[in-house]
């Protein structure tokens, strides 16, 4: 997961917290923290995460896809969180 951009990690974390979200649902969640997300930024990054095996993509209807973490994606998040936790003790901040 260290090869991913911060935005790609954010996409994974948001996807992990939702039940098979569409790209627009992921975008809506992220817009609460990020001011502007374009179609040209969102979907190529989701495609990259699918291609690299972090996410699976399925189809809701002809125009709408959903995304969900793969086992590889879940494992990557767990590993990343363990790595972060060794440096940041949330109780001491």
PDB file of N, CA and C in Angstrom:
ATOM      1  N   UNK A   1       0.816  -1.193   0.000  1.00  0.00           N
ATOM      2  CA  UNK A   1       0.000   0.000   0.000  1.00  0.00           C
ATOM      3  C   UNK A   1       0.861   1.258   0.000  1.00  0.00           C
ATOM      4  N   UNK A   2       2.144   1.118   0.257  1.00  0.00           N
ATOM      5  CA  UNK A   2       3.030   2.278   0.299  1.00  0.00           C
ATOM      6  C   UNK A   2       3.225   2.898  -1.080  1.00  0.00           C
ATOM      7  N   UNK A   3       2.927   2.165  -2.133  1.00  0.00           N
ATOM      8  CA  UNK A   3       3.066   2.693  -3.488  1.00  0.00           C
ATOM      9  C   UNK A   3       1.848   3.516  -3.915  1.00  0.00           C
ATOM     10  N   UNK A   4       0.805   3.512  -3.113  1.00  0.00           N
ATOM     11  CA  UNK A   4      -0.412   4.245  -3.454  1.00  0.00           C
ATOM     12  C   UNK A   4      -0.293   5.710  -3.058  1.00  0.00           C
ATOM     13  N   UNK A   5      -1.036   6.551  -3.763  1.00  0.00           N
ATOM     14  CA  UNK A   5      -1.107   7.961  -3.387  1.00  0.00           C
ATOM     15  C   UNK A   5      -2.032   8.089  -2.171  1.00  0.00           C
ATOM     16  N   UNK A   6      -1.960   9.229  -1.515  1.00  0.00           N
ATOM     17  CA  UNK A   6      -2.844   9.480  -0.383  1.00  0.00           C
ATOM     18  C   UNK A   6      -4.307   9.424  -0.834  1.00  0.00           C
ATOM     19  N   UNK A   7      -4.605   9.949  -2.009  1.00  0.00           N
ATOM     20  CA  UNK A   7      -5.976   9.921  -2.520  1.00  0.00           C
ATOM     21  C   UNK A   7      -6.442   8.482  -2.739  1.00  0.00           C
ATOM     22  N   UNK A   8      -5.581   7.634  -3.271  1.00  0.00           N
ATOM     23  CA  UNK A   8      -5.941   6.234  -3.474  1.00  0.00           C
ATOM     24  C   UNK A   8      -6.180   5.535  -2.139  1.00  0.00           C
ATOM     25  N   UNK A   9      -5.365   5.841  -1.136  1.00  0.00           N
ATOM     26  CA  UNK A   9      -5.609   5.266   0.200  1.00  0.00           C
ATOM     27  C   UNK A   9      -6.943   5.750   0.746  1.00  0.00           C
ATOM     28  N   UNK A  10      -7.250   7.021   0.555  1.00  0.00           N
ATOM     29  CA  UNK A  10      -8.540   7.547   1.006  1.00  0.00           C
ATOM     30  C   UNK A  10      -9.695   6.815   0.326  1.00  0.00           C
ATOM     31  N   UNK A  11      -9.549   6.535  -0.958  1.00  0.00           N
ATOM     32  CA  UNK A  11     -10.584   5.783  -1.681  1.00  0.00           C
ATOM     33  C   UNK A  11     -10.789   4.409  -1.055  1.00  0.00           C
ATOM     34  N   UNK A  12      -9.700   3.753  -0.697  1.00  0.00           N
ATOM     35  CA  UNK A  12      -9.808   2.426  -0.066  1.00  0.00           C
ATOM     36  C   UNK A  12     -10.493   2.513   1.291  1.00  0.00           C
ATOM     37  N   UNK A  13     -10.089   3.484   2.106  1.00  0.00           N
ATOM     38  CA  UNK A  13     -10.681   3.609   3.440  1.00  0.00           C
ATOM     39  C   UNK A  13     -12.177   3.892   3.352  1.00  0.00           C
ATOM     40  N   UNK A  14     -12.570   4.789   2.452  1.00  0.00           N
ATOM     41  CA  UNK A  14     -13.997   5.108   2.309  1.00  0.00           C
ATOM     42  C   UNK A  14     -14.758   3.888   1.805  1.00  0.00           C
ATOM     43  N   UNK A  15     -14.212   3.195   0.826  1.00  0.00           N
ATOM     44  CA  UNK A  15     -14.863   1.997   0.300  1.00  0.00           C
ATOM     45  C   UNK A  15     -15.026   0.941   1.391  1.00  0.00           C
ATOM     46  N   UNK A  16     -14.024   0.830   2.255  1.00  0.00           N
ATOM     47  CA  UNK A  16     -14.089  -0.143   3.355  1.00  0.00           C
ATOM     48  C   UNK A  16     -15.234   0.173   4.314  1.00  0.00           C
ATOM     49  N   UNK A  17     -15.592   1.446   4.445  1.00  0.00           N
ATOM     50  CA  UNK A  17     -16.623   1.836   5.385  1.00  0.00           C
ATOM     51  C   UNK A  17     -18.034   1.852   4.824  1.00  0.00           C
ATOM     52  N   UNK A  18     -18.178   1.536   3.554  1.00  0.00           N
ATOM     53  CA  UNK A  18     -19.494   1.544   2.908  1.00  0.00           C
ATOM     54  C   UNK A  18     -19.812   0.161   2.353  1.00  0.00           C
ATOM     55  N   UNK A  19     -21.074  -0.094   2.102  1.00  0.00           N
ATOM     56  CA  UNK A  19     -21.498  -1.376   1.566  1.00  0.00           C
ATOM     57  C   UNK A  19     -21.659  -1.284   0.052  1.00  0.00           C
ATOM     58  N   UNK A  20     -20.670  -1.770  -0.666  1.00  0.00           N
ATOM     59  CA  UNK A  20     -20.678  -1.809  -2.134  1.00  0.00           C
ATOM     60  C   UNK A  20     -21.087  -0.464  -2.753  1.00  0.00           C
ATOM     61  N   UNK A  21     -20.325   0.595  -2.437  1.00  0.00           N
ATOM     62  CA  UNK A  21     -20.699   1.920  -2.923  1.00  0.00           C
ATOM     63  C   UNK A  21     -20.423   2.106  -4.409  1.00  0.00           C
ATOM     64  N   UNK A  22     -21.207   2.976  -5.013  1.00  0.00           N
ATOM     65  CA  UNK A  22     -20.927   3.407  -6.383  1.00  0.00           C
ATOM     66  C   UNK A  22     -19.811   4.444  -6.327  1.00  0.00           C
ATOM     67  N   UNK A  23     -19.267   4.782  -7.470  1.00  0.00           N
ATOM     68  CA  UNK A  23     -18.258   5.835  -7.524  1.00  0.00           C
ATOM     69  C   UNK A  23     -18.792   7.148  -6.992  1.00  0.00           C
ATOM     70  N   UNK A  24     -20.040   7.458  -7.309  1.00  0.00           N
ATOM     71  CA  UNK A  24     -20.640   8.708  -6.829  1.00  0.00           C
ATOM     72  C   UNK A  24     -20.814   8.707  -5.310  1.00  0.00           C
ATOM     73  N   UNK A  25     -21.125   7.554  -4.726  1.00  0.00           N
ATOM     74  CA  UNK A  25     -21.237   7.472  -3.269  1.00  0.00           C
ATOM     75  C   UNK A  25     -19.877   7.690  -2.614  1.00  0.00           C
ATOM     76  N   UNK A  26     -18.849   7.111  -3.195  1.00  0.00           N
ATOM     77  CA  UNK A  26     -17.486   7.311  -2.684  1.00  0.00           C
ATOM     78  C   UNK A  26     -17.123   8.786  -2.781  1.00  0.00           C
ATOM     79  N   UNK A  27     -17.411   9.383  -3.929  1.00  0.00           N
ATOM     80  CA  UNK A  27     -17.127  10.803  -4.136  1.00  0.00           C
ATOM     81  C   UNK A  27     -17.858  11.658  -3.107  1.00  0.00           C
ATOM     82  N   UNK A  28     -19.126  11.387  -2.876  1.00  0.00           N
ATOM     83  CA  UNK A  28     -19.914  12.162  -1.903  1.00  0.00           C
ATOM     84  C   UNK A  28     -19.306  12.087  -0.508  1.00  0.00           C
ATOM     85  N   UNK A  29     -18.877  10.913  -0.105  1.00  0.00           N
ATOM     86  CA  UNK A  29     -18.246  10.754   1.209  1.00  0.00           C
ATOM     87  C   UNK A  29     -16.958  11.561   1.302  1.00  0.00           C
ATOM     88  N   UNK A  30     -16.146  11.494   0.255  1.00  0.00           N
ATOM     89  CA  UNK A  30     -14.870  12.209   0.269  1.00  0.00           C
ATOM     90  C   UNK A  30     -15.046  13.716   0.206  1.00  0.00           C
ATOM     91  N   UNK A  31     -16.114  14.179  -0.429  1.00  0.00           N
ATOM     92  CA  UNK A  31     -16.334  15.623  -0.542  1.00  0.00           C
ATOM     93  C   UNK A  31     -16.572  16.276   0.811  1.00  0.00           C
ATOM     94  N   UNK A  32     -16.860  15.482   1.837  1.00  0.00           N
ATOM     95  CA  UNK A  32     -16.985  16.034   3.183  1.00  0.00           C
ATOM     96  C   UNK A  32     -15.631  16.489   3.718  1.00  0.00           C
ATOM     97  N   UNK A  33     -14.532  15.945   3.157  1.00  0.00           N
ATOM     98  CA  UNK A  33     -13.188  16.280   3.622  1.00  0.00           C
ATOM     99  C   UNK A  33     -12.313  16.921   2.547  1.00  0.00           C
ATOM    100  N   UNK A  34     -12.620  16.658   1.293  1.00  0.00           N
ATOM    101  CA  UNK A  34     -11.835  17.177   0.173  1.00  0.00           C
ATOM    102  C   UNK A  34     -12.736  18.115  -0.620  1.00  0.00           C
ATOM    103  N   UNK A  35     -12.232  19.309  -0.911  1.00  0.00           N
ATOM    104  CA  UNK A  35     -13.064  20.340  -1.547  1.00  0.00           C
ATOM    105  C   UNK A  35     -13.573  19.980  -2.933  1.00  0.00           C
ATOM    106  N   UNK A  36     -12.718  19.413  -3.764  1.00  0.00           N
ATOM    107  CA  UNK A  36     -13.108  19.217  -5.158  1.00  0.00           C
ATOM    108  C   UNK A  36     -12.545  17.892  -5.677  1.00  0.00           C
ATOM    109  N   UNK A  37     -13.410  17.090  -6.234  1.00  0.00           N
ATOM    110  CA  UNK A  37     -12.990  15.824  -6.845  1.00  0.00           C
ATOM    111  C   UNK A  37     -13.643  15.755  -8.212  1.00  0.00           C
ATOM    112  N   UNK A  38     -12.831  15.704  -9.245  1.00  0.00           N
ATOM    113  CA  UNK A  38     -13.376  15.645 -10.593  1.00  0.00           C
ATOM    114  C   UNK A  38     -13.549  14.192 -11.033  1.00  0.00           C
ATOM    115  N   UNK A  39     -14.401  14.023 -12.025  1.00  0.00           N
ATOM    116  CA  UNK A  39     -14.603  12.717 -12.653  1.00  0.00           C
ATOM    117  C   UNK A  39     -13.258  12.185 -13.148  1.00  0.00           C
ATOM    118  N   UNK A  40     -12.451  13.078 -13.725  1.00  0.00           N
ATOM    119  CA  UNK A  40     -11.154  12.701 -14.274  1.00  0.00           C
ATOM    120  C   UNK A  40     -10.120  12.317 -13.238  1.00  0.00           C
ATOM    121  N   UNK A  41     -10.377  12.629 -11.996  1.00  0.00           N
ATOM    122  CA  UNK A  41      -9.487  12.193 -10.916  1.00  0.00           C
ATOM    123  C   UNK A  41     -10.018  10.936 -10.256  1.00  0.00           C
ATOM    124  N   UNK A  42     -11.316  10.883 -10.032  1.00  0.00           N
ATOM    125  CA  UNK A  42     -11.921   9.781  -9.294  1.00  0.00           C
ATOM    126  C   UNK A  42     -11.805   8.450 -10.026  1.00  0.00           C
ATOM    127  N   UNK A  43     -12.349   8.383 -11.223  1.00  0.00           N
ATOM    128  CA  UNK A  43     -12.477   7.088 -11.902  1.00  0.00           C
ATOM    129  C   UNK A  43     -11.152   6.481 -12.356  1.00  0.00           C
ATOM    130  N   UNK A  44     -10.186   7.271 -12.837  1.00  0.00           N
ATOM    131  CA  UNK A  44      -8.883   6.647 -13.136  1.00  0.00           C
ATOM    132  C   UNK A  44      -8.222   6.051 -11.890  1.00  0.00           C
ATOM    133  N   UNK A  45      -8.396   6.697 -10.739  1.00  0.00           N
ATOM    134  CA  UNK A  45      -7.817   6.147  -9.511  1.00  0.00           C
ATOM    135  C   UNK A  45      -8.552   4.897  -9.053  1.00  0.00           C
ATOM    136  N   UNK A  46      -9.872   4.872  -9.189  1.00  0.00           N
ATOM    137  CA  UNK A  46     -10.613   3.644  -8.886  1.00  0.00           C
ATOM    138  C   UNK A  46     -10.190   2.528  -9.831  1.00  0.00           C
ATOM    139  N   UNK A  47     -10.023   2.852 -11.110  1.00  0.00           N
ATOM    140  CA  UNK A  47      -9.566   1.854 -12.089  1.00  0.00           C
ATOM    141  C   UNK A  47      -8.202   1.290 -11.697  1.00  0.00           C
ATOM    142  N   UNK A  48      -7.305   2.153 -11.266  1.00  0.00           N
ATOM    143  CA  UNK A  48      -5.972   1.706 -10.845  1.00  0.00           C
ATOM    144  C   UNK A  48      -6.068   0.746  -9.667  1.00  0.00           C
ATOM    145  N   UNK A  49      -6.918   1.072  -8.702  1.00  0.00           N
ATOM    146  CA  UNK A  49      -7.081   0.205  -7.532  1.00  0.00           C
ATOM    147  C   UNK A  49      -7.686  -1.146  -7.908  1.00  0.00           C
ATOM    148  N   UNK A  50      -8.558  -1.160  -8.899  1.00  0.00           N
ATOM    149  CA  UNK A  50      -9.103  -2.425  -9.407  1.00  0.00           C
ATOM    150  C   UNK A  50      -7.995  -3.214 -10.101  1.00  0.00           C
ATOM    151  N   UNK A  51      -7.253  -2.537 -10.975  1.00  0.00           N
ATOM    152  CA  UNK A  51      -6.179  -3.203 -11.726  1.00  0.00           C
ATOM    153  C   UNK A  51      -5.103  -3.774 -10.808  1.00  0.00           C
ATOM    154  N   UNK A  52      -4.832  -3.085  -9.701  1.00  0.00           N
ATOM    155  CA  UNK A  52      -3.793  -3.544  -8.774  1.00  0.00           C
ATOM    156  C   UNK A  52      -4.312  -4.561  -7.761  1.00  0.00           C
ATOM    157  N   UNK A  53      -5.604  -4.862  -7.819  1.00  0.00           N
ATOM    158  CA  UNK A  53      -6.158  -5.917  -6.974  1.00  0.00           C
ATOM    159  C   UNK A  53      -6.662  -5.489  -5.618  1.00  0.00           C
ATOM    160  N   UNK A  54      -6.708  -4.196  -5.344  1.00  0.00           N
ATOM    161  CA  UNK A  54      -7.214  -3.714  -4.057  1.00  0.00           C
ATOM    162  C   UNK A  54      -8.739  -3.712  -4.001  1.00  0.00           C
ATOM    163  N   UNK A  55      -9.371  -3.446  -5.147  1.00  0.00           N
ATOM    164  CA  UNK A  55     -10.826  -3.376  -5.235  1.00  0.00           C
ATOM    165  C   UNK A  55     -11.350  -4.310  -6.307  1.00  0.00           C
ATOM    166  N   UNK A  56     -12.570  -4.762  -6.109  1.00  0.00           N
ATOM    167  CA  UNK A  56     -13.347  -5.422  -7.156  1.00  0.00           C
ATOM    168  C   UNK A  56     -14.403  -4.435  -7.619  1.00  0.00           C
ATOM    169  N   UNK A  57     -14.753  -4.530  -8.885  1.00  0.00           N
ATOM    170  CA  UNK A  57     -15.802  -3.686  -9.437  1.00  0.00           C
ATOM    171  C   UNK A  57     -16.905  -4.575  -9.968  1.00  0.00           C
ATOM    172  N   UNK A  58     -18.132  -4.246  -9.630  1.00  0.00           N
ATOM    173  CA  UNK A  58     -19.295  -4.963 -10.134  1.00  0.00           C
ATOM    174  C   UNK A  58     -20.244  -3.966 -10.767  1.00  0.00           C
ATOM    175  N   UNK A  59     -21.314  -4.474 -11.317  1.00  0.00           N
ATOM    176  CA  UNK A  59     -22.252  -3.610 -12.025  1.00  0.00           C
ATOM    177  C   UNK A  59     -23.602  -3.588 -11.312  1.00  0.00           C
ATOM    178  N   UNK A  60     -24.089  -2.373 -11.036  1.00  0.00           N
ATOM    179  CA  UNK A  60     -25.423  -2.196 -10.467  1.00  0.00           C
ATOM    180  C   UNK A  60     -26.442  -2.155 -11.599  1.00  0.00           C
ATOM    181  N   UNK A  61     -26.155  -1.351 -12.606  1.00  0.00           N
ATOM    182  CA  UNK A  61     -26.968  -1.279 -13.823  1.00  0.00           C
ATOM    183  C   UNK A  61     -26.043  -0.888 -14.972  1.00  0.00           C
ATOM    184  N   UNK A  62     -26.591  -0.604 -16.120  1.00  0.00           N
ATOM    185  CA  UNK A  62     -25.759  -0.341 -17.303  1.00  0.00           C
ATOM    186  C   UNK A  62     -24.819   0.847 -17.135  1.00  0.00           C
ATOM    187  N   UNK A  63     -25.175   1.774 -16.269  1.00  0.00           N
ATOM    188  CA  UNK A  63     -24.388   2.994 -16.112  1.00  0.00           C
ATOM    189  C   UNK A  63     -23.650   3.094 -14.787  1.00  0.00           C
ATOM    190  N   UNK A  64     -23.940   2.216 -13.856  1.00  0.00           N
ATOM    191  CA  UNK A  64     -23.421   2.377 -12.499  1.00  0.00           C
ATOM    192  C   UNK A  64     -22.688   1.126 -12.033  1.00  0.00           C
ATOM    193  N   UNK A  65     -21.470   1.331 -11.568  1.00  0.00           N
ATOM    194  CA  UNK A  65     -20.673   0.257 -10.985  1.00  0.00           C
ATOM    195  C   UNK A  65     -20.646   0.398  -9.469  1.00  0.00           C
ATOM    196  N   UNK A  66     -20.367  -0.696  -8.801  1.00  0.00           N
ATOM    197  CA  UNK A  66     -20.092  -0.641  -7.368  1.00  0.00           C
ATOM    198  C   UNK A  66     -18.680  -1.144  -7.147  1.00  0.00           C
ATOM    199  N   UNK A  67     -18.142  -0.806  -5.989  1.00  0.00           N
ATOM    200  CA  UNK A  67     -16.777  -1.188  -5.637  1.00  0.00           C
ATOM    201  C   UNK A  67     -16.792  -1.838  -4.265  1.00  0.00           C
ATOM    202  N   UNK A  68     -15.905  -2.816  -4.088  1.00  0.00           N
ATOM    203  CA  UNK A  68     -15.734  -3.424  -2.772  1.00  0.00           C
ATOM    204  C   UNK A  68     -14.297  -3.882  -2.632  1.00  0.00           C
ATOM    205  N   UNK A  69     -13.830  -3.902  -1.393  1.00  0.00           N
ATOM    206  CA  UNK A  69     -12.457  -4.328  -1.131  1.00  0.00           C
ATOM    207  C   UNK A  69     -12.282  -5.804  -1.442  1.00  0.00           C
ATOM    208  N   UNK A  70     -11.147  -6.136  -1.978  1.00  0.00           N
ATOM    209  CA  UNK A  70     -10.760  -7.533  -2.126  1.00  0.00           C
ATOM    210  C   UNK A  70     -10.096  -7.962  -0.817  1.00  0.00           C
ATOM    211  N   UNK A  71      -9.812  -9.223  -0.684  1.00  0.00           N
ATOM    212  CA  UNK A  71      -9.063  -9.679   0.491  1.00  0.00           C
ATOM    213  C   UNK A  71      -7.694  -9.005   0.521  1.00  0.00           C
ATOM    214  N   UNK A  72      -7.076  -8.846  -0.643  1.00  0.00           N
ATOM    215  CA  UNK A  72      -5.793  -8.142  -0.738  1.00  0.00           C
ATOM    216  C   UNK A  72      -5.932  -6.709  -0.218  1.00  0.00           C
ATOM    217  N   UNK A  73      -7.017  -6.033  -0.573  1.00  0.00           N
ATOM    218  CA  UNK A  73      -7.267  -4.669  -0.114  1.00  0.00           C
ATOM    219  C   UNK A  73      -7.466  -4.601   1.390  1.00  0.00           C
ATOM    220  N   UNK A  74      -8.236  -5.541   1.937  1.00  0.00           N
ATOM    221  CA  UNK A  74      -8.445  -5.584   3.393  1.00  0.00           C
ATOM    222  C   UNK A  74      -7.123  -5.822   4.121  1.00  0.00           C
ATOM    223  N   UNK A  75      -6.342  -6.741   3.598  1.00  0.00           N
ATOM    224  CA  UNK A  75      -5.048  -7.043   4.199  1.00  0.00           C
ATOM    225  C   UNK A  75      -4.120  -5.827   4.135  1.00  0.00           C
ATOM    226  N   UNK A  76      -4.149  -5.112   3.030  1.00  0.00           N
ATOM    227  CA  UNK A  76      -3.310  -3.921   2.873  1.00  0.00           C
ATOM    228  C   UNK A  76      -3.695  -2.846   3.881  1.00  0.00           C
ATOM    229  N   UNK A  77      -4.989  -2.660   4.110  1.00  0.00           N
ATOM    230  CA  UNK A  77      -5.438  -1.673   5.103  1.00  0.00           C
ATOM    231  C   UNK A  77      -5.002  -2.098   6.503  1.00  0.00           C
ATOM    232  N   UNK A  78      -5.174  -3.369   6.834  1.00  0.00           N
ATOM    233  CA  UNK A  78      -4.739  -3.847   8.161  1.00  0.00           C
ATOM    234  C   UNK A  78      -3.245  -3.622   8.353  1.00  0.00           C
ATOM    235  N   UNK A  79      -2.446  -3.965   7.332  1.00  0.00           N
ATOM    236  CA  UNK A  79      -0.994  -3.781   7.421  1.00  0.00           C
ATOM    237  C   UNK A  79      -0.628  -2.310   7.565  1.00  0.00           C
ATOM    238  N   UNK A  80      -1.305  -1.455   6.812  1.00  0.00           N
ATOM    239  CA  UNK A  80      -1.028  -0.018   6.875  1.00  0.00           C
ATOM    240  C   UNK A  80      -1.368   0.527   8.267  1.00  0.00           C
ATOM    241  N   UNK A  81      -2.509   0.109   8.803  1.00  0.00           N
ATOM    242  CA  UNK A  81      -2.910   0.591  10.125  1.00  0.00           C
ATOM    243  C   UNK A  81      -1.925   0.127  11.203  1.00  0.00           C
ATOM    244  N   UNK A  82      -1.443  -1.100  11.105  1.00  0.00           N
ATOM    245  CA  UNK A  82      -0.434  -1.582  12.061  1.00  0.00           C
ATOM    246  C   UNK A  82       0.832  -0.737  11.962  1.00  0.00           C
ATOM    247  N   UNK A  83       1.242  -0.440  10.737  1.00  0.00           N
ATOM    248  CA  UNK A  83       2.435   0.369  10.515  1.00  0.00           C
ATOM    249  C   UNK A  83       2.249   1.772  11.110  1.00  0.00           C
ATOM    250  N   UNK A  84       1.085   2.390  10.837  1.00  0.00           N
ATOM    251  CA  UNK A  84       0.801   3.726  11.379  1.00  0.00           C
ATOM    252  C   UNK A  84       0.784   3.707  12.902  1.00  0.00           C
ATOM    253  N   UNK A  85       0.167   2.697  13.483  1.00  0.00           N
ATOM    254  CA  UNK A  85       0.016   2.627  14.934  1.00  0.00           C
ATOM    255  C   UNK A  85       1.334   2.487  15.670  1.00  0.00           C
ATOM    256  N   UNK A  86       2.359   1.963  15.012  1.00  0.00           N
ATOM    257  CA  UNK A  86       3.639   1.856  15.699  1.00  0.00           C
ATOM    258  C   UNK A  86       4.310   3.222  15.846  1.00  0.00           C
ATOM    259  N   UNK A  87       3.866   4.207  15.079  1.00  0.00           N
ATOM    260  CA  UNK A  87       4.420   5.542  15.142  1.00  0.00           C
ATOM    261  C   UNK A  87       3.503   6.559  15.819  1.00  0.00           C
ATOM    262  N   UNK A  88       2.229   6.301  15.830  1.00  0.00           N
ATOM    263  CA  UNK A  88       1.261   7.251  16.370  1.00  0.00           C
ATOM    264  C   UNK A  88       0.423   6.561  17.438  1.00  0.00           C
ATOM    265  N   UNK A  89       0.605   6.999  18.649  1.00  0.00           N
ATOM    266  CA  UNK A  89      -0.232   6.518  19.743  1.00  0.00           C
ATOM    267  C   UNK A  89      -1.349   7.539  19.930  1.00  0.00           C
ATOM    268  N   UNK A  90      -2.557   7.189  19.546  1.00  0.00           N
ATOM    269  CA  UNK A  90      -3.674   8.133  19.565  1.00  0.00           C
ATOM    270  C   UNK A  90      -3.966   8.640  20.975  1.00  0.00           C
ATOM    271  N   UNK A  91      -3.612   7.895  21.983  1.00  0.00           N
ATOM    272  CA  UNK A  91      -3.854   8.329  23.359  1.00  0.00           C
ATOM    273  C   UNK A  91      -2.901   9.441  23.785  1.00  0.00           C
ATOM    274  N   UNK A  92      -1.767   9.561  23.095  1.00  0.00           N
ATOM    275  CA  UNK A  92      -0.784  10.580  23.500  1.00  0.00           C
ATOM    276  C   UNK A  92      -0.866  11.854  22.663  1.00  0.00           C
ATOM    277  N   UNK A  93      -1.776  11.905  21.718  1.00  0.00           N
ATOM    278  CA  UNK A  93      -1.895  13.097  20.865  1.00  0.00           C
ATOM    279  C   UNK A  93      -2.851  14.078  21.496  1.00  0.00           C
TER     280      UNK A  93
END
